[in-house]
Amino acid sequence: MPKPRIQITYCTKCKFMLRATWLAQELLTTFGDELGEVAIVPGSGGIFEVTLDGEVIATNRDHAPMPDPVDVKRTVRDRVAPDRKIGHD
């Protein structure tokens, strides 16, 4: 079975790249053995969105607040490594 793929799409005009790369580093540090890929994809329109195998798990679409990194890590943990402690529980 292939390992999960995470995609982080960020708005280039909003300068969200640093946030996207930081979140990618956090996910790879925490779940490096369980993930197959973490992709960082430039976007536009104010977007900051995280998908796991194509399913949106966190987004700021529709004027929502920026995704909380702790919530993103919990969601990923619950799906790819439910027994793992991530230090935020």
C-alpha atoms as a PDB file:
ATOM      1  CA  MET A   1       0.000   0.000   0.000  1.00  0.00           C
ATOM      2  CA  PRO A   2       1.463   3.410  -0.933  1.00  0.00           C
ATOM      3  CA  LYS A   3       2.259   5.861   1.827  1.00  0.00           C
ATOM      4  CA  PRO A   4       0.069   8.974   2.155  1.00  0.00           C
ATOM      5  CA  ARG A   5       0.724  12.160   0.201  1.00  0.00           C
ATOM      6  CA  ILE A   6       0.255  15.578   1.748  1.00  0.00           C
ATOM      7  CA  GLN A   7      -0.068  18.678  -0.397  1.00  0.00           C
ATOM      8  CA  ILE A   8       0.228  22.194   0.982  1.00  0.00           C
ATOM      9  CA  THR A   9      -1.051  24.844  -1.422  1.00  0.00           C
ATOM     10  CA  TYR A  10      -0.124  28.420  -0.556  1.00  0.00           C
ATOM     11  CA  CYS A  11      -0.738  31.879  -2.034  1.00  0.00           C
ATOM     12  CA  THR A  12       2.456  33.327  -3.484  1.00  0.00           C
ATOM     13  CA  LYS A  13       1.156  36.910  -3.501  1.00  0.00           C
ATOM     14  CA  CYS A  14       0.258  36.670   0.203  1.00  0.00           C
ATOM     15  CA  LYS A  15       3.777  35.458   0.962  1.00  0.00           C
ATOM     16  CA  PHE A  16       2.526  32.264   2.640  1.00  0.00           C
ATOM     17  CA  MET A  17       5.526  30.247   1.401  1.00  0.00           C
ATOM     18  CA  LEU A  18       7.403  30.457   4.706  1.00  0.00           C
ATOM     19  CA  ARG A  19       4.351  29.130   6.566  1.00  0.00           C
ATOM     20  CA  ALA A  20       3.966  26.319   4.010  1.00  0.00           C
ATOM     21  CA  THR A  21       7.606  25.250   4.218  1.00  0.00           C
ATOM     22  CA  TRP A  22       7.552  25.389   8.026  1.00  0.00           C
ATOM     23  CA  LEU A  23       4.428  23.191   8.155  1.00  0.00           C
ATOM     24  CA  ALA A  24       5.999  20.763   5.676  1.00  0.00           C
ATOM     25  CA  GLN A  25       9.094  20.530   7.867  1.00  0.00           C
ATOM     26  CA  GLU A  26       6.944  19.918  10.965  1.00  0.00           C
ATOM     27  CA  LEU A  27       5.029  17.136   9.230  1.00  0.00           C
ATOM     28  CA  LEU A  28       8.166  15.485   7.852  1.00  0.00           C
ATOM     29  CA  THR A  29       9.911  15.692  11.218  1.00  0.00           C
ATOM     30  CA  THR A  30       6.950  14.158  13.025  1.00  0.00           C
ATOM     31  CA  PHE A  31       5.728  11.632  10.433  1.00  0.00           C
ATOM     32  CA  GLY A  32       8.746  11.088   8.169  1.00  0.00           C
ATOM     33  CA  ASP A  33       8.490   7.281   8.164  1.00  0.00           C
ATOM     34  CA  GLU A  34       4.718   7.226   7.630  1.00  0.00           C
ATOM     35  CA  LEU A  35       4.507   9.716   4.734  1.00  0.00           C
ATOM     36  CA  GLY A  36       5.299   9.095   1.109  1.00  0.00           C
ATOM     37  CA  GLU A  37       5.459  12.745   0.069  1.00  0.00           C
ATOM     38  CA  VAL A  38       4.873  16.287   1.268  1.00  0.00           C
ATOM     39  CA  ALA A  39       4.412  18.621  -1.697  1.00  0.00           C
ATOM     40  CA  ILE A  40       4.422  22.419  -1.535  1.00  0.00           C
ATOM     41  CA  VAL A  41       2.391  23.911  -4.375  1.00  0.00           C
ATOM     42  CA  PRO A  42       2.221  27.619  -5.264  1.00  0.00           C
ATOM     43  CA  GLY A  43      -1.276  29.041  -5.632  1.00  0.00           C
ATOM     44  CA  SER A  44      -3.121  32.343  -5.610  1.00  0.00           C
ATOM     45  CA  GLY A  45      -6.218  34.028  -4.259  1.00  0.00           C
ATOM     46  CA  GLY A  46      -5.142  33.981  -0.614  1.00  0.00           C
ATOM     47  CA  ILE A  47      -5.201  30.180  -0.391  1.00  0.00           C
ATOM     48  CA  PHE A  48      -3.539  28.101   2.285  1.00  0.00           C
ATOM     49  CA  GLU A  49      -4.815  24.542   2.063  1.00  0.00           C
ATOM     50  CA  VAL A  50      -3.607  21.149   3.221  1.00  0.00           C
ATOM     51  CA  THR A  51      -4.781  17.921   1.619  1.00  0.00           C
ATOM     52  CA  LEU A  52      -4.104  14.326   2.592  1.00  0.00           C
ATOM     53  CA  ASP A  53      -4.383  11.946  -0.356  1.00  0.00           C
ATOM     54  CA  GLY A  54      -6.533  14.523  -2.151  1.00  0.00           C
ATOM     55  CA  GLU A  55      -8.931  15.182   0.742  1.00  0.00           C
ATOM     56  CA  VAL A  56      -8.914  18.682   2.220  1.00  0.00           C
ATOM     57  CA  ILE A  57      -7.997  18.455   5.907  1.00  0.00           C
ATOM     58  CA  ALA A  58      -7.370  22.163   6.575  1.00  0.00           C
ATOM     59  CA  THR A  59      -8.083  25.326   4.612  1.00  0.00           C
ATOM     60  CA  ASN A  60      -8.616  29.041   4.882  1.00  0.00           C
ATOM     61  CA  ARG A  61     -11.113  29.099   1.997  1.00  0.00           C
ATOM     62  CA  ASP A  62     -14.277  31.109   2.427  1.00  0.00           C
ATOM     63  CA  HIS A  63     -12.564  33.570   4.774  1.00  0.00           C
ATOM     64  CA  ALA A  64     -11.809  30.972   7.436  1.00  0.00           C
ATOM     65  CA  PRO A  65      -8.800  31.542   9.712  1.00  0.00           C
ATOM     66  CA  MET A  66      -5.446  30.073   8.760  1.00  0.00           C
ATOM     67  CA  PRO A  67      -5.191  26.368   9.575  1.00  0.00           C
ATOM     68  CA  ASP A  68      -3.732  25.739  13.017  1.00  0.00           C
ATOM     69  CA  PRO A  69      -0.548  23.638  12.682  1.00  0.00           C
ATOM     70  CA  VAL A  70      -1.421  21.682  15.839  1.00  0.00           C
ATOM     71  CA  ASP A  71      -4.806  20.745  14.384  1.00  0.00           C
ATOM     72  CA  VAL A  72      -3.191  19.742  11.080  1.00  0.00           C
ATOM     73  CA  LYS A  73      -0.689  17.514  12.894  1.00  0.00           C
ATOM     74  CA  ARG A  74      -3.461  15.917  14.973  1.00  0.00           C
ATOM     75  CA  THR A  75      -5.529  15.181  11.871  1.00  0.00           C
ATOM     76  CA  VAL A  76      -2.536  13.651  10.085  1.00  0.00           C
ATOM     77  CA  ARG A  77      -1.636  11.651  13.190  1.00  0.00           C
ATOM     78  CA  ASP A  78      -5.193  10.328  13.538  1.00  0.00           C
ATOM     79  CA  ARG A  79      -5.098   9.061   9.956  1.00  0.00           C
ATOM     80  CA  VAL A  80      -1.542   7.827   9.445  1.00  0.00           C
ATOM     81  CA  ALA A  81      -0.143   7.016  12.909  1.00  0.00           C
ATOM     82  CA  PRO A  82      -2.975   6.906  15.478  1.00  0.00           C
ATOM     83  CA  ASP A  83      -0.782   5.469  18.240  1.00  0.00           C
ATOM     84  CA  ARG A  84       1.874   8.189  17.935  1.00  0.00           C
ATOM     85  CA  LYS A  85       2.193  10.930  20.537  1.00  0.00           C
ATOM     86  CA  ILE A  86       2.864  14.330  18.993  1.00  0.00           C
ATOM     87  CA  GLY A  87       3.374  16.387  22.142  1.00  0.00           C
ATOM     88  CA  HIS A  88       0.222  18.458  21.730  1.00  0.00           C
ATOM     89  CA  ASP A  89      -2.226  16.127  23.468  1.00  0.00           C
END
